[in-house]
C-alpha atoms as a PDB file:
ATOM      1  CA  UNK A   1     273.860 195.616  34.849  1.00  0.00           C
ATOM      2  CA  UNK A   2     275.820 192.345  34.777  1.00  0.00           C
ATOM      3  CA  UNK A   3     273.559 189.306  34.970  1.00  0.00           C
ATOM      4  CA  UNK A   4     274.177 185.682  35.899  1.00  0.00           C
ATOM      5  CA  UNK A   5     271.515 183.404  34.413  1.00  0.00           C
ATOM      6  CA  UNK A   6     270.873 180.415  36.646  1.00  0.00           C
ATOM      7  CA  UNK A   7     268.982 177.964  34.466  1.00  0.00           C
ATOM      8  CA  UNK A   8     269.538 178.262  30.745  1.00  0.00           C
ATOM      9  CA  UNK A   9     266.423 176.845  29.165  1.00  0.00           C
ATOM     10  CA  UNK A  10     263.794 178.626  27.089  1.00  0.00           C
ATOM     11  CA  UNK A  11     263.312 181.448  29.580  1.00  0.00           C
ATOM     12  CA  UNK A  12     267.037 181.886  30.063  1.00  0.00           C
ATOM     13  CA  UNK A  13     267.530 182.274  26.329  1.00  0.00           C
ATOM     14  CA  UNK A  14     264.619 184.733  26.080  1.00  0.00           C
ATOM     15  CA  UNK A  15     266.055 186.855  28.892  1.00  0.00           C
ATOM     16  CA  UNK A  16     269.517 186.799  27.334  1.00  0.00           C
ATOM     17  CA  UNK A  17     268.123 187.953  23.985  1.00  0.00           C
ATOM     18  CA  UNK A  18     266.291 190.883  25.569  1.00  0.00           C
ATOM     19  CA  UNK A  19     268.965 191.903  28.088  1.00  0.00           C
ATOM     20  CA  UNK A  20     271.230 193.512  25.502  1.00  0.00           C
ATOM     21  CA  UNK A  21     268.371 195.632  24.165  1.00  0.00           C
ATOM     22  CA  UNK A  22     267.990 197.124  27.651  1.00  0.00           C
ATOM     23  CA  UNK A  23     271.719 197.813  27.992  1.00  0.00           C
ATOM     24  CA  UNK A  24     272.545 194.840  30.202  1.00  0.00           C
ATOM     25  CA  UNK A  25     275.063 192.031  29.812  1.00  0.00           C
ATOM     26  CA  UNK A  26     274.760 188.351  30.613  1.00  0.00           C
ATOM     27  CA  UNK A  27     278.219 187.514  31.906  1.00  0.00           C
ATOM     28  CA  UNK A  28     277.617 183.825  32.597  1.00  0.00           C
ATOM     29  CA  UNK A  29     275.058 181.044  32.493  1.00  0.00           C
ATOM     30  CA  UNK A  30     274.738 178.115  34.893  1.00  0.00           C
ATOM     31  CA  UNK A  31     272.644 175.078  34.014  1.00  0.00           C
ATOM     32  CA  UNK A  32     274.066 172.250  36.133  1.00  0.00           C
ATOM     33  CA  UNK A  33     275.987 171.532  39.326  1.00  0.00           C
ATOM     34  CA  UNK A  34     279.159 171.025  37.294  1.00  0.00           C
ATOM     35  CA  UNK A  35     278.730 174.474  35.723  1.00  0.00           C
ATOM     36  CA  UNK A  36     278.099 175.972  39.176  1.00  0.00           C
ATOM     37  CA  UNK A  37     281.423 174.586  40.382  1.00  0.00           C
ATOM     38  CA  UNK A  38     283.217 175.709  37.239  1.00  0.00           C
ATOM     39  CA  UNK A  39     281.681 179.185  36.838  1.00  0.00           C
ATOM     40  CA  UNK A  40     281.168 180.406  40.398  1.00  0.00           C
ATOM     41  CA  UNK A  41     283.989 183.000  40.051  1.00  0.00           C
ATOM     42  CA  UNK A  42     282.056 184.495  37.110  1.00  0.00           C
ATOM     43  CA  UNK A  43     278.766 184.414  39.026  1.00  0.00           C
ATOM     44  CA  UNK A  44     280.446 186.444  41.784  1.00  0.00           C
ATOM     45  CA  UNK A  45     281.075 189.259  39.295  1.00  0.00           C
ATOM     46  CA  UNK A  46     277.362 189.683  38.512  1.00  0.00           C
ATOM     47  CA  UNK A  47     275.148 192.414  39.943  1.00  0.00           C
ATOM     48  CA  UNK A  48     272.147 190.082  40.077  1.00  0.00           C
ATOM     49  CA  UNK A  49     271.193 186.487  39.377  1.00  0.00           C
ATOM     50  CA  UNK A  50     268.044 185.611  37.438  1.00  0.00           C
ATOM     51  CA  UNK A  51     266.934 182.078  38.273  1.00  0.00           C
ATOM     52  CA  UNK A  52     264.629 180.039  36.007  1.00  0.00           C
ATOM     53  CA  UNK A  53     265.472 176.396  36.563  1.00  0.00           C
ATOM     54  CA  UNK A  54     263.350 173.536  37.945  1.00  0.00           C
ATOM     55  CA  UNK A  55     261.364 173.013  41.172  1.00  0.00           C
ATOM     56  CA  UNK A  56     263.960 170.440  42.247  1.00  0.00           C
ATOM     57  CA  UNK A  57     266.950 172.807  41.886  1.00  0.00           C
ATOM     58  CA  UNK A  58     265.564 176.289  42.585  1.00  0.00           C
ATOM     59  CA  UNK A  59     266.032 176.300  46.366  1.00  0.00           C
ATOM     60  CA  UNK A  60     269.643 175.123  46.161  1.00  0.00           C
ATOM     61  CA  UNK A  61     270.343 177.751  43.495  1.00  0.00           C
ATOM     62  CA  UNK A  62     268.857 180.535  45.628  1.00  0.00           C
ATOM     63  CA  UNK A  63     270.824 179.424  48.683  1.00  0.00           C
ATOM     64  CA  UNK A  64     274.053 179.349  46.694  1.00  0.00           C
ATOM     65  CA  UNK A  65     273.393 182.899  45.481  1.00  0.00           C
ATOM     66  CA  UNK A  66     272.758 183.954  49.095  1.00  0.00           C
ATOM     67  CA  UNK A  67     276.097 182.383  50.054  1.00  0.00           C
ATOM     68  CA  UNK A  68     277.729 184.664  47.470  1.00  0.00           C
ATOM     69  CA  UNK A  69     275.790 187.741  48.640  1.00  0.00           C
ATOM     70  CA  UNK A  70     274.099 187.998  45.246  1.00  0.00           C
ATOM     71  CA  UNK A  71     270.562 189.404  44.795  1.00  0.00           C
ATOM     72  CA  UNK A  72     268.254 186.821  43.188  1.00  0.00           C
ATOM     73  CA  UNK A  73     265.243 187.140  40.918  1.00  0.00           C
ATOM     74  CA  UNK A  74     263.516 183.743  40.934  1.00  0.00           C
ATOM     75  CA  UNK A  75     260.870 182.798  38.405  1.00  0.00           C
ATOM     76  CA  UNK A  76     260.832 179.062  39.094  1.00  0.00           C
ATOM     77  CA  UNK A  77     257.583 177.811  40.619  1.00  0.00           C
ATOM     78  CA  UNK A  78     256.724 174.581  42.421  1.00  0.00           C
ATOM     79  CA  UNK A  79     258.908 175.020  45.537  1.00  0.00           C
ATOM     80  CA  UNK A  80     256.255 176.539  47.819  1.00  0.00           C
ATOM     81  CA  UNK A  81     256.976 174.085  50.649  1.00  0.00           C
ATOM     82  CA  UNK A  82     260.414 175.676  51.125  1.00  0.00           C
ATOM     83  CA  UNK A  83     259.368 179.288  50.551  1.00  0.00           C
ATOM     84  CA  UNK A  84     258.970 180.316  54.195  1.00  0.00           C
ATOM     85  CA  UNK A  85     262.382 178.931  55.150  1.00  0.00           C
ATOM     86  CA  UNK A  86     264.115 180.627  52.205  1.00  0.00           C
ATOM     87  CA  UNK A  87     262.326 183.950  52.849  1.00  0.00           C
ATOM     88  CA  UNK A  88     263.205 183.809  56.560  1.00  0.00           C
ATOM     89  CA  UNK A  89     266.883 183.316  55.772  1.00  0.00           C
ATOM     90  CA  UNK A  90     266.734 186.153  53.236  1.00  0.00           C
ATOM     91  CA  UNK A  91     265.408 188.572  55.853  1.00  0.00           C
ATOM     92  CA  UNK A  92     267.578 187.324  58.719  1.00  0.00           C
ATOM     93  CA  UNK A  93     270.815 187.606  56.733  1.00  0.00           C
ATOM     94  CA  UNK A  94     269.883 190.793  54.800  1.00  0.00           C
ATOM     95  CA  UNK A  95     269.820 189.253  51.347  1.00  0.00           C
ATOM     96  CA  UNK A  96     267.621 190.365  48.437  1.00  0.00           C
ATOM     97  CA  UNK A  97     265.096 188.068  46.772  1.00  0.00           C
ATOM     98  CA  UNK A  98     262.416 188.827  44.185  1.00  0.00           C
ATOM     99  CA  UNK A  99     259.891 186.076  43.502  1.00  0.00           C
ATOM    100  CA  UNK A 100     256.840 185.867  41.274  1.00  0.00           C
ATOM    101  CA  UNK A 101     254.616 183.091  40.014  1.00  0.00           C
ATOM    102  CA  UNK A 102     254.407 185.048  36.754  1.00  0.00           C
ATOM    103  CA  UNK A 103     256.525 188.011  35.607  1.00  0.00           C
ATOM    104  CA  UNK A 104     254.203 189.172  32.827  1.00  0.00           C
ATOM    105  CA  UNK A 105     252.972 192.718  33.457  1.00  0.00           C
ATOM    106  CA  UNK A 106     249.641 191.809  31.842  1.00  0.00           C
ATOM    107  CA  UNK A 107     249.238 188.791  34.096  1.00  0.00           C
ATOM    108  CA  UNK A 108     249.935 190.887  37.166  1.00  0.00           C
ATOM    109  CA  UNK A 109     247.254 193.340  36.082  1.00  0.00           C
ATOM    110  CA  UNK A 110     244.941 190.318  35.811  1.00  0.00           C
ATOM    111  CA  UNK A 111     245.902 189.413  39.379  1.00  0.00           C
ATOM    112  CA  UNK A 112     244.559 192.800  40.479  1.00  0.00           C
ATOM    113  CA  UNK A 113     241.348 192.270  38.480  1.00  0.00           C
ATOM    114  CA  UNK A 114     241.019 188.777  39.945  1.00  0.00           C
ATOM    115  CA  UNK A 115     241.187 190.139  43.482  1.00  0.00           C
ATOM    116  CA  UNK A 116     238.556 192.781  42.775  1.00  0.00           C
ATOM    117  CA  UNK A 117     236.246 190.334  41.042  1.00  0.00           C
ATOM    118  CA  UNK A 118     236.571 187.904  43.956  1.00  0.00           C
ATOM    119  CA  UNK A 119     235.510 190.711  46.302  1.00  0.00           C
ATOM    120  CA  UNK A 120     232.454 191.443  44.146  1.00  0.00           C
ATOM    121  CA  UNK A 121     231.557 187.746  44.085  1.00  0.00           C
ATOM    122  CA  UNK A 122     231.874 187.267  47.846  1.00  0.00           C
ATOM    123  CA  UNK A 123     228.665 185.716  49.156  1.00  0.00           C
ATOM    124  CA  UNK A 124     227.239 185.062  45.682  1.00  0.00           C
ATOM    125  CA  UNK A 125     226.975 181.308  46.078  1.00  0.00           C
ATOM    126  CA  UNK A 126     225.025 180.923  42.826  1.00  0.00           C
ATOM    127  CA  UNK A 127     228.334 181.363  40.990  1.00  0.00           C
ATOM    128  CA  UNK A 128     230.696 178.388  40.859  1.00  0.00           C
ATOM    129  CA  UNK A 129     234.296 179.430  40.268  1.00  0.00           C
ATOM    130  CA  UNK A 130     236.957 177.417  38.443  1.00  0.00           C
ATOM    131  CA  UNK A 131     240.394 177.958  36.905  1.00  0.00           C
ATOM    132  CA  UNK A 132     241.919 176.468  33.751  1.00  0.00           C
ATOM    133  CA  UNK A 133     245.552 176.812  32.717  1.00  0.00           C
ATOM    134  CA  UNK A 134     247.352 175.685  29.570  1.00  0.00           C
ATOM    135  CA  UNK A 135     251.117 175.561  29.068  1.00  0.00           C
ATOM    136  CA  UNK A 136     253.722 173.928  26.835  1.00  0.00           C
ATOM    137  CA  UNK A 137     254.499 170.246  27.267  1.00  0.00           C
ATOM    138  CA  UNK A 138     257.899 171.008  28.856  1.00  0.00           C
ATOM    139  CA  UNK A 139     256.435 172.672  31.971  1.00  0.00           C
ATOM    140  CA  UNK A 140     257.163 170.478  34.969  1.00  0.00           C
ATOM    141  CA  UNK A 141     254.689 171.685  37.601  1.00  0.00           C
ATOM    142  CA  UNK A 142     250.911 171.331  37.417  1.00  0.00           C
ATOM    143  CA  UNK A 143     248.877 173.233  38.315  1.00  0.00           C
ATOM    144  CA  UNK A 144     251.013 176.216  37.397  1.00  0.00           C
ATOM    145  CA  UNK A 145     252.207 178.599  40.088  1.00  0.00           C
ATOM    146  CA  UNK A 146     250.121 181.293  38.418  1.00  0.00           C
ATOM    147  CA  UNK A 147     246.950 179.214  38.701  1.00  0.00           C
ATOM    148  CA  UNK A 148     247.665 178.556  42.375  1.00  0.00           C
ATOM    149  CA  UNK A 149     248.177 182.294  42.903  1.00  0.00           C
ATOM    150  CA  UNK A 150     244.814 183.004  41.263  1.00  0.00           C
ATOM    151  CA  UNK A 151     243.124 180.433  43.494  1.00  0.00           C
ATOM    152  CA  UNK A 152     244.775 181.884  46.590  1.00  0.00           C
ATOM    153  CA  UNK A 153     243.552 185.360  45.700  1.00  0.00           C
ATOM    154  CA  UNK A 154     239.993 184.115  45.189  1.00  0.00           C
ATOM    155  CA  UNK A 155     240.137 182.405  48.572  1.00  0.00           C
ATOM    156  CA  UNK A 156     241.569 185.450  50.355  1.00  0.00           C
ATOM    157  CA  UNK A 157     239.357 188.083  48.743  1.00  0.00           C
ATOM    158  CA  UNK A 158     236.238 186.060  47.992  1.00  0.00           C
ATOM    159  CA  UNK A 159     235.866 184.045  51.165  1.00  0.00           C
ATOM    160  CA  UNK A 160     235.905 180.677  49.393  1.00  0.00           C
ATOM    161  CA  UNK A 161     237.989 177.712  50.631  1.00  0.00           C
ATOM    162  CA  UNK A 162     240.942 177.384  48.273  1.00  0.00           C
ATOM    163  CA  UNK A 163     240.603 173.610  48.171  1.00  0.00           C
ATOM    164  CA  UNK A 164     237.077 174.040  46.778  1.00  0.00           C
ATOM    165  CA  UNK A 165     238.327 175.874  43.667  1.00  0.00           C
ATOM    166  CA  UNK A 166     238.927 173.338  40.870  1.00  0.00           C
ATOM    167  CA  UNK A 167     241.968 173.867  38.641  1.00  0.00           C
ATOM    168  CA  UNK A 168     242.299 172.116  35.283  1.00  0.00           C
ATOM    169  CA  UNK A 169     245.808 171.857  33.798  1.00  0.00           C
ATOM    170  CA  UNK A 170     246.507 171.230  30.116  1.00  0.00           C
ATOM    171  CA  UNK A 171     249.900 170.699  28.462  1.00  0.00           C
ATOM    172  CA  UNK A 172     249.866 171.324  24.715  1.00  0.00           C
ATOM    173  CA  UNK A 173     252.621 171.929  22.172  1.00  0.00           C
ATOM    174  CA  UNK A 174     254.595 175.123  22.798  1.00  0.00           C
ATOM    175  CA  UNK A 175     251.807 177.211  24.393  1.00  0.00           C
ATOM    176  CA  UNK A 176     253.518 180.001  26.414  1.00  0.00           C
ATOM    177  CA  UNK A 177     250.695 180.207  28.944  1.00  0.00           C
ATOM    178  CA  UNK A 178     246.952 180.822  29.132  1.00  0.00           C
ATOM    179  CA  UNK A 179     244.954 181.266  32.351  1.00  0.00           C
ATOM    180  CA  UNK A 180     241.179 181.503  32.589  1.00  0.00           C
ATOM    181  CA  UNK A 181     239.112 182.240  35.708  1.00  0.00           C
ATOM    182  CA  UNK A 182     235.433 181.369  35.223  1.00  0.00           C
ATOM    183  CA  UNK A 183     232.394 182.203  37.347  1.00  0.00           C
ATOM    184  CA  UNK A 184     229.385 180.231  36.149  1.00  0.00           C
ATOM    185  CA  UNK A 185     225.760 180.380  37.298  1.00  0.00           C
ATOM    186  CA  UNK A 186     222.530 179.056  35.853  1.00  0.00           C
ATOM    187  CA  UNK A 187     221.911 182.485  34.330  1.00  0.00           C
ATOM    188  CA  UNK A 188     225.294 183.535  32.958  1.00  0.00           C
ATOM    189  CA  UNK A 189     229.050 183.060  32.809  1.00  0.00           C
ATOM    190  CA  UNK A 190     231.794 185.584  33.535  1.00  0.00           C
ATOM    191  CA  UNK A 191     235.438 184.975  32.615  1.00  0.00           C
ATOM    192  CA  UNK A 192     238.824 186.608  33.102  1.00  0.00           C
ATOM    193  CA  UNK A 193     241.474 185.478  30.615  1.00  0.00           C
ATOM    194  CA  UNK A 194     245.157 186.147  30.134  1.00  0.00           C
ATOM    195  CA  UNK A 195     246.869 184.651  27.092  1.00  0.00           C
ATOM    196  CA  UNK A 196     250.606 185.049  26.629  1.00  0.00           C
ATOM    197  CA  UNK A 197     251.650 185.210  22.970  1.00  0.00           C
ATOM    198  CA  UNK A 198     255.345 184.542  23.646  1.00  0.00           C
ATOM    199  CA  UNK A 199     257.934 184.430  26.428  1.00  0.00           C
ATOM    200  CA  UNK A 200     258.923 188.039  25.692  1.00  0.00           C
ATOM    201  CA  UNK A 201     256.540 189.442  28.286  1.00  0.00           C
ATOM    202  CA  UNK A 202     257.913 187.126  30.955  1.00  0.00           C
ATOM    203  CA  UNK A 203     261.498 187.965  29.999  1.00  0.00           C
ATOM    204  CA  UNK A 204     260.792 191.698  30.157  1.00  0.00           C
ATOM    205  CA  UNK A 205     259.158 191.352  33.572  1.00  0.00           C
ATOM    206  CA  UNK A 206     262.130 189.379  34.900  1.00  0.00           C
ATOM    207  CA  UNK A 207     264.556 192.063  33.690  1.00  0.00           C
ATOM    208  CA  UNK A 208     262.393 194.818  35.208  1.00  0.00           C
ATOM    209  CA  UNK A 209     262.458 192.878  38.479  1.00  0.00           C
ATOM    210  CA  UNK A 210     266.261 192.605  38.292  1.00  0.00           C
ATOM    211  CA  UNK A 211     266.578 196.349  37.649  1.00  0.00           C
ATOM    212  CA  UNK A 212     264.259 197.016  40.589  1.00  0.00           C
ATOM    213  CA  UNK A 213     266.224 194.717  42.914  1.00  0.00           C
ATOM    214  CA  UNK A 214     269.634 196.157  42.002  1.00  0.00           C
ATOM    215  CA  UNK A 215     268.389 199.739  42.472  1.00  0.00           C
ATOM    216  CA  UNK A 216     266.670 198.926  45.792  1.00  0.00           C
ATOM    217  CA  UNK A 217     268.828 199.921  48.768  1.00  0.00           C
ATOM    218  CA  UNK A 218     266.794 197.955  51.302  1.00  0.00           C
ATOM    219  CA  UNK A 219     267.305 194.194  51.360  1.00  0.00           C
ATOM    220  CA  UNK A 220     264.397 191.807  51.785  1.00  0.00           C
ATOM    221  CA  UNK A 221     261.803 189.795  49.880  1.00  0.00           C
ATOM    222  CA  UNK A 222     259.952 191.498  47.030  1.00  0.00           C
ATOM    223  CA  UNK A 223     257.217 190.605  44.532  1.00  0.00           C
ATOM    224  CA  UNK A 224     255.618 192.085  41.425  1.00  0.00           C
ATOM    225  CA  UNK A 225     253.261 194.080  43.663  1.00  0.00           C
ATOM    226  CA  UNK A 226     256.272 196.016  44.944  1.00  0.00           C
ATOM    227  CA  UNK A 227     257.442 196.681  41.406  1.00  0.00           C
ATOM    228  CA  UNK A 228     254.026 197.771  40.123  1.00  0.00           C
ATOM    229  CA  UNK A 229     253.410 200.023  43.129  1.00  0.00           C
END
């Protein structure tokens, strides 16, 4: 599989390092508008683009990949306001897009646990729920997309207004990512925690998503639920 990396920061480097171990090749990297203009002929030769850039550039990057007819795996978060428009174009024009707030397989298992726990806590008003997330100081969005996903799941499955779920965001050193969901009552406390030890898990998940998207005959919008199922 030939890969174009759109965004060549820490995640881009982690994906590049792991791609060769899985038999894939990164044929080009793009990290600025100037590089887009210079390297677009190389991007066209890729089987898939993996996009980890910034909230300010992600939508334009996805649209440019659509213009080239290139499937896109996007791991950038913080562009939710444009998601519906981008997804609608993807479906209308038969493109392929894979998005996730977190590509870690362990985190996506926690998402499933979070949904089930929210169902069990439905109606148990004695428990106050909160979320805390910690990331490295370079992360641009706060709260993290993962924390917002956790809150959305609790709202959907637990019957609690999402705006009532407090989220604390911490930015410390080079922390890859830690998310904690806490239910606290006067009697006890219950927590769900996922702690990433490195970016390797995220890089692996992004490559698995790219493999899934390239092998998928049907175009459309996909998530980690589709991959896990």
